[in-house]
Amino acid sequence: GSPFRLGLVEEVSGLGHDAADAGIGTLFAAGLLHAAGAGRAAFRHDLVAGAIYGDMDEGRRRRLHERAWRALANRGEAALATAHALPADLARVPEATRVAHQAGSEALSSGAVSSAVQLLNTAEALGGPVPDAAVAADLGEALVTSGRPAEASLACERALSRTDVGAEVRLRALGLLERAALLCGDQVRAAAATEAALELAAGENPEAFVAFAGDEVWRIASFVGLPPALARLEDLHHQAMRLGARSAGDLQGLRAYLAVQMRQSYDLGPLEKTARTM
């Protein structure tokens, strides 16, 4: 890359300390490199970097990319390391996939969704033809956040295609699939994703059941109508109570809000209680 850390040159090149220093000095003296901040240098022109890179045989390029990947990964520079993973032919190397996934997750958490999409796509490519469900789910979130719901749906489907996926990842993928389907205007797919999530959450996570129940009611209220939404809400609230969900009262708050929207007389206490917990 350019600019690059001078401290990495010795490690990546495989040269000794004196030889690396002499080589760097020669490149500076020839005007091919210039200083680019503390401890960094850059090529004077991208064409110079391209010419040097293109003059190497494929095997040497791969070995240098692998050394660069390892050096950066060891320094905790997951995103920079990931840029070298595919040229280093590290596909199906679990550690390379893990580092790329870490970099993508960190980018997603920081709001750098474009970088997250790129890094998580690389993580998927490194994993080989069998998708890693957690990577695919993270990629689905990055894609839907960046306004690419159709691609997000496909990523979520890949996550759900694994039969060995844990309930937590499966529920997350179903929630993202519902959201992506709604953004694509696919009501049937969104409803199917929510129903699958409710069924799974009923046996695994009562609190998640309440969250998905709220999504289901909002979807019906928004696209079908308030009366059927209220009818569905009553059924889901009773089921949440049977499951022992601590947050089941949130559905009563939603019930009060919908009643207000329908201009019905209703005790607003549950709505106020729910609002105070937000």
C-alpha atoms as a PDB file:
ATOM      1  CA  GLY A   1       0.000   0.000   0.000  1.00  0.00           C
ATOM      2  CA  SER A   2       0.916   3.656  -0.166  1.00  0.00           C
ATOM      3  CA  PRO A   3       1.522   5.349   2.160  1.00  0.00           C
ATOM      4  CA  PHE A   4       3.024   2.564   4.257  1.00  0.00           C
ATOM      5  CA  ARG A   5       4.763   2.137   7.597  1.00  0.00           C
ATOM      6  CA  LEU A   6       8.506   2.081   7.297  1.00  0.00           C
ATOM      7  CA  GLY A   7       8.688  -0.192  10.333  1.00  0.00           C
ATOM      8  CA  LEU A   8       6.950  -2.962   8.418  1.00  0.00           C
ATOM      9  CA  VAL A   9       9.392  -2.997   5.506  1.00  0.00           C
ATOM     10  CA  GLU A  10      12.027  -5.128   7.194  1.00  0.00           C
ATOM     11  CA  GLU A  11       9.498  -7.713   8.417  1.00  0.00           C
ATOM     12  CA  VAL A  12       7.538  -7.984   5.167  1.00  0.00           C
ATOM     13  CA  SER A  13      10.516  -7.897   2.815  1.00  0.00           C
ATOM     14  CA  GLY A  14      12.465 -10.528   4.723  1.00  0.00           C
ATOM     15  CA  LEU A  15      15.578  -8.345   4.530  1.00  0.00           C
ATOM     16  CA  GLY A  16      17.815  -7.734   7.493  1.00  0.00           C
ATOM     17  CA  HIS A  17      17.696  -4.418   9.335  1.00  0.00           C
ATOM     18  CA  ASP A  18      20.703  -2.875   7.569  1.00  0.00           C
ATOM     19  CA  ALA A  19      19.623  -4.054   4.103  1.00  0.00           C
ATOM     20  CA  ALA A  20      16.088  -2.743   4.594  1.00  0.00           C
ATOM     21  CA  ASP A  21      17.382   0.652   5.765  1.00  0.00           C
ATOM     22  CA  ALA A  22      19.799   0.840   2.815  1.00  0.00           C
ATOM     23  CA  GLY A  23      17.049  -0.030   0.334  1.00  0.00           C
ATOM     24  CA  ILE A  24      14.697   2.581   1.739  1.00  0.00           C
ATOM     25  CA  GLY A  25      17.471   5.163   1.703  1.00  0.00           C
ATOM     26  CA  THR A  26      18.222   4.427  -1.948  1.00  0.00           C
ATOM     27  CA  LEU A  27      14.542   4.834  -2.913  1.00  0.00           C
ATOM     28  CA  PHE A  28      14.347   8.162  -1.080  1.00  0.00           C
ATOM     29  CA  ALA A  29      17.549   9.358  -2.715  1.00  0.00           C
ATOM     30  CA  ALA A  30      16.228   8.415  -6.152  1.00  0.00           C
ATOM     31  CA  GLY A  31      13.070  10.410  -5.511  1.00  0.00           C
ATOM     32  CA  LEU A  32      10.805   7.362  -5.773  1.00  0.00           C
ATOM     33  CA  LEU A  33       9.631   7.711  -2.150  1.00  0.00           C
ATOM     34  CA  HIS A  34       8.764  10.734  -0.049  1.00  0.00           C
ATOM     35  CA  ALA A  35       7.919  11.191   3.636  1.00  0.00           C
ATOM     36  CA  ALA A  36       4.210  10.828   4.468  1.00  0.00           C
ATOM     37  CA  GLY A  37       4.064  11.577   8.188  1.00  0.00           C
ATOM     38  CA  ALA A  38       5.869  10.198  11.193  1.00  0.00           C
ATOM     39  CA  GLY A  39       7.320   6.785  10.392  1.00  0.00           C
ATOM     40  CA  ARG A  40       5.568   6.601   7.009  1.00  0.00           C
ATOM     41  CA  ALA A  41       6.538   6.898   3.376  1.00  0.00           C
ATOM     42  CA  ALA A  42       4.683   6.925   0.062  1.00  0.00           C
ATOM     43  CA  PHE A  43       5.555   6.457  -3.586  1.00  0.00           C
ATOM     44  CA  ARG A  44       5.892   9.681  -5.581  1.00  0.00           C
ATOM     45  CA  HIS A  45       3.396   8.346  -8.091  1.00  0.00           C
ATOM     46  CA  ASP A  46       1.020   5.403  -8.195  1.00  0.00           C
ATOM     47  CA  LEU A  47       2.531   4.396 -11.516  1.00  0.00           C
ATOM     48  CA  VAL A  48       5.822   3.707  -9.732  1.00  0.00           C
ATOM     49  CA  ALA A  49       4.127   1.447  -7.197  1.00  0.00           C
ATOM     50  CA  GLY A  50       2.207  -0.276  -9.995  1.00  0.00           C
ATOM     51  CA  ALA A  51       5.371  -0.863 -12.018  1.00  0.00           C
ATOM     52  CA  ILE A  52       7.200  -2.411  -9.052  1.00  0.00           C
ATOM     53  CA  TYR A  53       4.214  -4.578  -8.175  1.00  0.00           C
ATOM     54  CA  GLY A  54       3.704  -5.704 -11.765  1.00  0.00           C
ATOM     55  CA  ASP A  55       7.379  -6.612 -12.174  1.00  0.00           C
ATOM     56  CA  MET A  56       7.165  -9.297  -9.478  1.00  0.00           C
ATOM     57  CA  ASP A  57       6.295 -12.881 -10.287  1.00  0.00           C
ATOM     58  CA  GLU A  58       2.991 -14.168  -8.910  1.00  0.00           C
ATOM     59  CA  GLY A  59       4.608 -16.385  -6.282  1.00  0.00           C
ATOM     60  CA  ARG A  60       6.648 -13.543  -4.787  1.00  0.00           C
ATOM     61  CA  ARG A  61       3.614 -11.239  -4.710  1.00  0.00           C
ATOM     62  CA  ARG A  62       1.609 -13.877  -2.875  1.00  0.00           C
ATOM     63  CA  ARG A  63       4.366 -14.444  -0.304  1.00  0.00           C
ATOM     64  CA  LEU A  64       4.748 -10.700   0.341  1.00  0.00           C
ATOM     65  CA  HIS A  65       0.981 -10.284   0.733  1.00  0.00           C
ATOM     66  CA  GLU A  66       0.951 -13.154   3.217  1.00  0.00           C
ATOM     67  CA  ARG A  67       3.787 -11.599   5.240  1.00  0.00           C
ATOM     68  CA  ALA A  68       2.012  -8.236   5.168  1.00  0.00           C
ATOM     69  CA  TRP A  69      -1.236  -9.881   6.299  1.00  0.00           C
ATOM     70  CA  ARG A  70       0.491 -11.617   9.187  1.00  0.00           C
ATOM     71  CA  ALA A  71       2.433  -8.529  10.274  1.00  0.00           C
ATOM     72  CA  LEU A  72      -0.661  -6.314  10.288  1.00  0.00           C
ATOM     73  CA  ALA A  73      -2.888  -8.936  11.916  1.00  0.00           C
ATOM     74  CA  ASN A  74      -0.332  -9.406  14.702  1.00  0.00           C
ATOM     75  CA  ARG A  75      -0.438  -5.642  15.292  1.00  0.00           C
ATOM     76  CA  GLY A  76      -4.235  -5.664  15.573  1.00  0.00           C
ATOM     77  CA  GLU A  77      -4.690  -3.846  12.254  1.00  0.00           C
ATOM     78  CA  ALA A  78      -7.531  -6.102  11.138  1.00  0.00           C
ATOM     79  CA  ALA A  79      -8.868  -3.898   8.328  1.00  0.00           C
ATOM     80  CA  LEU A  80      -5.445  -3.273   6.778  1.00  0.00           C
ATOM     81  CA  ALA A  81      -4.556  -6.945   7.092  1.00  0.00           C
ATOM     82  CA  THR A  82      -7.763  -7.996   5.336  1.00  0.00           C
ATOM     83  CA  ALA A  83      -6.779  -6.053   2.211  1.00  0.00           C
ATOM     84  CA  HIS A  84      -3.915  -8.554   1.791  1.00  0.00           C
ATOM     85  CA  ALA A  85      -5.867 -11.736   2.551  1.00  0.00           C
ATOM     86  CA  LEU A  86      -7.264 -12.589  -0.882  1.00  0.00           C
ATOM     87  CA  PRO A  87      -4.057 -11.686  -2.821  1.00  0.00           C
ATOM     88  CA  ALA A  88      -2.223 -13.861  -0.288  1.00  0.00           C
ATOM     89  CA  ASP A  89      -4.520 -16.771  -1.235  1.00  0.00           C
ATOM     90  CA  LEU A  90      -5.713 -17.225   2.350  1.00  0.00           C
ATOM     91  CA  ALA A  91      -9.150 -18.517   1.374  1.00  0.00           C
ATOM     92  CA  ARG A  92     -10.412 -21.199   3.780  1.00  0.00           C
ATOM     93  CA  VAL A  93      -7.797 -20.206   6.356  1.00  0.00           C
ATOM     94  CA  PRO A  94      -9.932 -19.819   9.514  1.00  0.00           C
ATOM     95  CA  GLU A  95      -7.718 -17.141  11.042  1.00  0.00           C
ATOM     96  CA  ALA A  96      -7.958 -14.974   7.910  1.00  0.00           C
ATOM     97  CA  THR A  97     -11.745 -15.254   7.934  1.00  0.00           C
ATOM     98  CA  ARG A  98     -11.826 -14.384  11.644  1.00  0.00           C
ATOM     99  CA  VAL A  99      -9.669 -11.287  11.174  1.00  0.00           C
ATOM    100  CA  ALA A 100     -11.779 -10.082   8.237  1.00  0.00           C
ATOM    101  CA  HIS A 101     -14.987 -10.694  10.197  1.00  0.00           C
ATOM    102  CA  GLN A 102     -13.569  -8.772  13.158  1.00  0.00           C
ATOM    103  CA  ALA A 103     -12.641  -5.856  10.896  1.00  0.00           C
ATOM    104  CA  GLY A 104     -16.094  -5.802   9.316  1.00  0.00           C
ATOM    105  CA  SER A 105     -17.871  -5.988  12.664  1.00  0.00           C
ATOM    106  CA  GLU A 106     -15.784  -3.119  14.026  1.00  0.00           C
ATOM    107  CA  ALA A 107     -16.534  -0.998  10.950  1.00  0.00           C
ATOM    108  CA  LEU A 108     -20.244  -1.769  11.280  1.00  0.00           C
ATOM    109  CA  SER A 109     -20.267  -0.839  14.976  1.00  0.00           C
ATOM    110  CA  SER A 110     -18.543   2.470  14.228  1.00  0.00           C
ATOM    111  CA  GLY A 111     -21.037   3.366  11.483  1.00  0.00           C
ATOM    112  CA  ALA A 112     -18.608   2.916   8.588  1.00  0.00           C
ATOM    113  CA  VAL A 113     -21.125   0.809   6.672  1.00  0.00           C
ATOM    114  CA  SER A 114     -19.452   1.023   3.244  1.00  0.00           C
ATOM    115  CA  SER A 115     -16.198  -0.277   4.690  1.00  0.00           C
ATOM    116  CA  ALA A 116     -18.150  -2.897   6.626  1.00  0.00           C
ATOM    117  CA  VAL A 117     -19.777  -4.189   3.431  1.00  0.00           C
ATOM    118  CA  GLN A 118     -16.401  -4.467   1.706  1.00  0.00           C
ATOM    119  CA  LEU A 119     -14.702  -6.185   4.645  1.00  0.00           C
ATOM    120  CA  LEU A 120     -17.561  -8.605   5.305  1.00  0.00           C
ATOM    121  CA  ASN A 121     -17.770  -9.498   1.624  1.00  0.00           C
ATOM    122  CA  THR A 122     -14.085 -10.368   1.852  1.00  0.00           C
ATOM    123  CA  ALA A 123     -14.732 -12.424   4.994  1.00  0.00           C
ATOM    124  CA  GLU A 124     -17.401 -14.395   3.134  1.00  0.00           C
ATOM    125  CA  ALA A 125     -15.097 -14.941   0.164  1.00  0.00           C
ATOM    126  CA  LEU A 126     -12.326 -16.150   2.465  1.00  0.00           C
ATOM    127  CA  GLY A 127     -14.694 -18.625   4.106  1.00  0.00           C
ATOM    128  CA  GLY A 128     -15.224 -20.573   0.902  1.00  0.00           C
ATOM    129  CA  PRO A 129     -18.449 -21.873  -0.648  1.00  0.00           C
ATOM    130  CA  VAL A 130     -20.081 -22.840   2.658  1.00  0.00           C
ATOM    131  CA  PRO A 131     -21.334 -19.596   4.246  1.00  0.00           C
ATOM    132  CA  ASP A 132     -20.478 -18.645   7.805  1.00  0.00           C
ATOM    133  CA  ALA A 133     -23.853 -17.708   9.304  1.00  0.00           C
ATOM    134  CA  ALA A 134     -22.501 -15.027  11.638  1.00  0.00           C
ATOM    135  CA  VAL A 135     -20.537 -13.367   8.826  1.00  0.00           C
ATOM    136  CA  ALA A 136     -23.530 -13.485   6.483  1.00  0.00           C
ATOM    137  CA  ALA A 137     -25.814 -11.994   9.144  1.00  0.00           C
ATOM    138  CA  ASP A 138     -23.389  -9.136   9.792  1.00  0.00           C
ATOM    139  CA  LEU A 139     -23.141  -8.565   6.053  1.00  0.00           C
ATOM    140  CA  GLY A 140     -26.943  -8.504   5.863  1.00  0.00           C
ATOM    141  CA  GLU A 141     -27.059  -5.778   8.500  1.00  0.00           C
ATOM    142  CA  ALA A 142     -24.378  -3.741   6.737  1.00  0.00           C
ATOM    143  CA  LEU A 143     -26.190  -4.040   3.411  1.00  0.00           C
ATOM    144  CA  VAL A 144     -29.617  -3.116   4.736  1.00  0.00           C
ATOM    145  CA  THR A 145     -28.102  -0.175   6.636  1.00  0.00           C
ATOM    146  CA  SER A 146     -26.390   1.049   3.475  1.00  0.00           C
ATOM    147  CA  GLY A 147     -29.655   0.963   1.522  1.00  0.00           C
ATOM    148  CA  ARG A 148     -29.155  -2.299  -0.360  1.00  0.00           C
ATOM    149  CA  PRO A 149     -32.073  -4.415   0.915  1.00  0.00           C
ATOM    150  CA  ALA A 150     -32.209  -6.851  -2.018  1.00  0.00           C
ATOM    151  CA  GLU A 151     -28.579  -7.861  -1.427  1.00  0.00           C
ATOM    152  CA  ALA A 152     -29.225  -7.925   2.324  1.00  0.00           C
ATOM    153  CA  SER A 153     -32.060 -10.433   1.776  1.00  0.00           C
ATOM    154  CA  LEU A 154     -29.688 -12.741  -0.082  1.00  0.00           C
ATOM    155  CA  ALA A 155     -27.075 -12.493   2.678  1.00  0.00           C
ATOM    156  CA  CYS A 156     -29.680 -13.349   5.309  1.00  0.00           C
ATOM    157  CA  GLU A 157     -30.886 -16.308   3.247  1.00  0.00           C
ATOM    158  CA  ARG A 158     -27.300 -17.563   3.135  1.00  0.00           C
ATOM    159  CA  ALA A 159     -27.085 -17.282   6.918  1.00  0.00           C
ATOM    160  CA  LEU A 160     -30.342 -19.191   7.316  1.00  0.00           C
ATOM    161  CA  SER A 161     -29.272 -21.898   4.859  1.00  0.00           C
ATOM    162  CA  ARG A 162     -26.952 -23.368   7.476  1.00  0.00           C
ATOM    163  CA  THR A 163     -28.609 -26.129   9.487  1.00  0.00           C
ATOM    164  CA  ASP A 164     -26.139 -25.797  12.369  1.00  0.00           C
ATOM    165  CA  VAL A 165     -26.888 -22.131  13.122  1.00  0.00           C
ATOM    166  CA  GLY A 166     -27.562 -21.226  16.754  1.00  0.00           C
ATOM    167  CA  ALA A 167     -30.851 -19.624  17.742  1.00  0.00           C
ATOM    168  CA  GLU A 168     -29.316 -16.193  18.426  1.00  0.00           C
ATOM    169  CA  VAL A 169     -27.802 -15.839  14.947  1.00  0.00           C
ATOM    170  CA  ARG A 170     -30.896 -17.333  13.315  1.00  0.00           C
ATOM    171  CA  LEU A 171     -33.201 -14.872  15.073  1.00  0.00           C
ATOM    172  CA  ARG A 172     -30.982 -11.977  14.053  1.00  0.00           C
ATOM    173  CA  ALA A 173     -30.941 -13.106  10.428  1.00  0.00           C
ATOM    174  CA  LEU A 174     -34.733 -13.496  10.414  1.00  0.00           C
ATOM    175  CA  GLY A 175     -35.175 -10.006  11.851  1.00  0.00           C
ATOM    176  CA  LEU A 176     -32.887  -8.525   9.207  1.00  0.00           C
ATOM    177  CA  LEU A 177     -34.639 -10.505   6.474  1.00  0.00           C
ATOM    178  CA  GLU A 178     -37.989  -9.094   7.619  1.00  0.00           C
ATOM    179  CA  ARG A 179     -36.597  -5.566   7.538  1.00  0.00           C
ATOM    180  CA  ALA A 180     -34.996  -6.019   4.116  1.00  0.00           C
ATOM    181  CA  ALA A 181     -38.156  -7.558   2.682  1.00  0.00           C
ATOM    182  CA  LEU A 182     -40.254  -4.626   3.897  1.00  0.00           C
ATOM    183  CA  LEU A 183     -37.840  -2.183   2.288  1.00  0.00           C
ATOM    184  CA  CYS A 184     -38.196  -4.146  -0.953  1.00  0.00           C
ATOM    185  CA  GLY A 185     -41.995  -4.029  -0.653  1.00  0.00           C
ATOM    186  CA  ASP A 186     -42.229  -7.810  -0.300  1.00  0.00           C
ATOM    187  CA  GLN A 187     -44.960  -8.234   2.321  1.00  0.00           C
ATOM    188  CA  VAL A 188     -45.232 -11.997   1.874  1.00  0.00           C
ATOM    189  CA  ARG A 189     -41.534 -12.556   2.522  1.00  0.00           C
ATOM    190  CA  ALA A 190     -41.546 -10.176   5.491  1.00  0.00           C
ATOM    191  CA  ALA A 191     -44.541 -11.951   7.057  1.00  0.00           C
ATOM    192  CA  ALA A 192     -42.924 -15.364   6.550  1.00  0.00           C
ATOM    193  CA  ALA A 193     -39.684 -14.193   8.191  1.00  0.00           C
ATOM    194  CA  THR A 194     -41.557 -12.792  11.195  1.00  0.00           C
ATOM    195  CA  GLU A 195     -43.647 -15.930  11.630  1.00  0.00           C
ATOM    196  CA  ALA A 196     -40.507 -18.067  11.542  1.00  0.00           C
ATOM    197  CA  ALA A 197     -38.870 -15.788  14.102  1.00  0.00           C
ATOM    198  CA  LEU A 198     -41.903 -15.928  16.409  1.00  0.00           C
ATOM    199  CA  GLU A 199     -41.964 -19.711  16.224  1.00  0.00           C
ATOM    200  CA  LEU A 200     -38.261 -19.981  17.027  1.00  0.00           C
ATOM    201  CA  ALA A 201     -38.315 -17.332  19.753  1.00  0.00           C
ATOM    202  CA  ALA A 202     -41.276 -18.998  21.469  1.00  0.00           C
ATOM    203  CA  GLY A 203     -39.058 -21.965  22.243  1.00  0.00           C
ATOM    204  CA  GLU A 204     -35.753 -20.172  22.749  1.00  0.00           C
ATOM    205  CA  ASN A 205     -36.109 -16.556  23.870  1.00  0.00           C
ATOM    206  CA  PRO A 206     -39.376 -15.122  25.288  1.00  0.00           C
ATOM    207  CA  GLU A 207     -38.031 -11.564  25.266  1.00  0.00           C
ATOM    208  CA  ALA A 208     -37.161 -11.857  21.580  1.00  0.00           C
ATOM    209  CA  PHE A 209     -40.683 -13.185  21.045  1.00  0.00           C
ATOM    210  CA  VAL A 210     -42.082  -9.902  22.409  1.00  0.00           C
ATOM    211  CA  ALA A 211     -39.823  -7.853  20.133  1.00  0.00           C
ATOM    212  CA  PHE A 212     -40.857  -9.812  17.054  1.00  0.00           C
ATOM    213  CA  ALA A 213     -44.494  -9.651  18.157  1.00  0.00           C
ATOM    214  CA  GLY A 214     -44.228  -5.871  18.150  1.00  0.00           C
ATOM    215  CA  ASP A 215     -42.750  -5.957  14.643  1.00  0.00           C
ATOM    216  CA  GLU A 216     -45.560  -8.207  13.452  1.00  0.00           C
ATOM    217  CA  VAL A 217     -48.262  -5.936  14.852  1.00  0.00           C
ATOM    218  CA  TRP A 218     -46.655  -2.826  13.375  1.00  0.00           C
ATOM    219  CA  ARG A 219     -46.430  -4.484   9.986  1.00  0.00           C
ATOM    220  CA  ILE A 220     -50.108  -5.448  10.042  1.00  0.00           C
ATOM    221  CA  ALA A 221     -51.148  -2.009  11.295  1.00  0.00           C
ATOM    222  CA  SER A 222     -49.115  -0.253   8.607  1.00  0.00           C
ATOM    223  CA  PHE A 223     -50.036  -2.371   5.613  1.00  0.00           C
ATOM    224  CA  VAL A 224     -53.292  -4.172   6.462  1.00  0.00           C
ATOM    225  CA  GLY A 225     -55.154  -2.126   9.027  1.00  0.00           C
ATOM    226  CA  LEU A 226     -55.597  -1.359  12.712  1.00  0.00           C
ATOM    227  CA  PRO A 227     -58.455  -3.807  13.530  1.00  0.00           C
ATOM    228  CA  PRO A 228     -56.563  -6.911  12.345  1.00  0.00           C
ATOM    229  CA  ALA A 229     -53.425  -5.589  14.046  1.00  0.00           C
ATOM    230  CA  LEU A 230     -55.263  -5.335  17.364  1.00  0.00           C
ATOM    231  CA  ALA A 231     -56.704  -8.818  16.963  1.00  0.00           C
ATOM    232  CA  ARG A 232     -53.246 -10.250  16.290  1.00  0.00           C
ATOM    233  CA  LEU A 233     -51.835  -8.288  19.210  1.00  0.00           C
ATOM    234  CA  GLU A 234     -54.265  -9.897  21.644  1.00  0.00           C
ATOM    235  CA  ASP A 235     -53.173 -13.380  20.577  1.00  0.00           C
ATOM    236  CA  LEU A 236     -49.485 -12.511  20.761  1.00  0.00           C
ATOM    237  CA  HIS A 237     -49.837 -10.851  24.167  1.00  0.00           C
ATOM    238  CA  HIS A 238     -51.534 -13.927  25.635  1.00  0.00           C
ATOM    239  CA  GLN A 239     -48.775 -16.115  24.197  1.00  0.00           C
ATOM    240  CA  ALA A 240     -46.064 -13.848  25.621  1.00  0.00           C
ATOM    241  CA  MET A 241     -47.712 -14.103  29.042  1.00  0.00           C
ATOM    242  CA  ARG A 242     -47.771 -17.901  28.799  1.00  0.00           C
ATOM    243  CA  LEU A 243     -44.082 -17.871  27.892  1.00  0.00           C
ATOM    244  CA  GLY A 244     -43.316 -15.800  30.992  1.00  0.00           C
ATOM    245  CA  ALA A 245     -41.748 -12.929  29.053  1.00  0.00           C
ATOM    246  CA  ARG A 246     -40.765 -10.103  31.415  1.00  0.00           C
ATOM    247  CA  SER A 247     -41.376  -7.551  28.677  1.00  0.00           C
ATOM    248  CA  ALA A 248     -44.881  -8.789  27.830  1.00  0.00           C
ATOM    249  CA  GLY A 249     -46.269  -5.545  29.284  1.00  0.00           C
ATOM    250  CA  ASP A 250     -44.699  -3.657  26.377  1.00  0.00           C
ATOM    251  CA  LEU A 251     -47.370  -5.183  24.155  1.00  0.00           C
ATOM    252  CA  GLN A 252     -50.021  -3.661  26.374  1.00  0.00           C
ATOM    253  CA  GLY A 253     -48.402  -0.308  25.824  1.00  0.00           C
ATOM    254  CA  LEU A 254     -48.598  -0.933  22.088  1.00  0.00           C
ATOM    255  CA  ARG A 255     -52.243  -1.933  22.535  1.00  0.00           C
ATOM    256  CA  ALA A 256     -52.968   1.418  24.201  1.00  0.00           C
ATOM    257  CA  TYR A 257     -51.227   3.335  21.416  1.00  0.00           C
ATOM    258  CA  LEU A 258     -53.166   1.562  18.677  1.00  0.00           C
ATOM    259  CA  ALA A 259     -56.402   2.134  20.580  1.00  0.00           C
ATOM    260  CA  VAL A 260     -55.639   5.862  20.614  1.00  0.00           C
ATOM    261  CA  GLN A 261     -55.035   5.752  16.868  1.00  0.00           C
ATOM    262  CA  MET A 262     -58.484   4.154  16.433  1.00  0.00           C
ATOM    263  CA  ARG A 263     -59.998   6.785  18.746  1.00  0.00           C
ATOM    264  CA  GLN A 264     -61.090   4.093  21.172  1.00  0.00           C
ATOM    265  CA  SER A 265     -61.538   4.599  24.896  1.00  0.00           C
ATOM    266  CA  TYR A 266     -58.672   2.873  26.644  1.00  0.00           C
ATOM    267  CA  ASP A 267     -56.665   3.044  29.855  1.00  0.00           C
ATOM    268  CA  LEU A 268     -53.464   4.865  28.876  1.00  0.00           C
ATOM    269  CA  GLY A 269     -51.571   3.664  31.961  1.00  0.00           C
ATOM    270  CA  PRO A 270     -49.769   0.861  30.070  1.00  0.00           C
ATOM    271  CA  LEU A 271     -48.756   3.297  27.344  1.00  0.00           C
ATOM    272  CA  GLU A 272     -47.315   5.753  29.870  1.00  0.00           C
ATOM    273  CA  LYS A 273     -45.514   2.933  31.688  1.00  0.00           C
ATOM    274  CA  THR A 274     -43.984   1.684  28.454  1.00  0.00           C
ATOM    275  CA  ALA A 275     -42.936   5.205  27.445  1.00  0.00           C
ATOM    276  CA  ARG A 276     -41.149   5.721  30.754  1.00  0.00           C
ATOM    277  CA  THR A 277     -38.984   2.649  30.127  1.00  0.00           C
ATOM    278  CA  MET A 278     -37.822   3.849  26.684  1.00  0.00           C
END
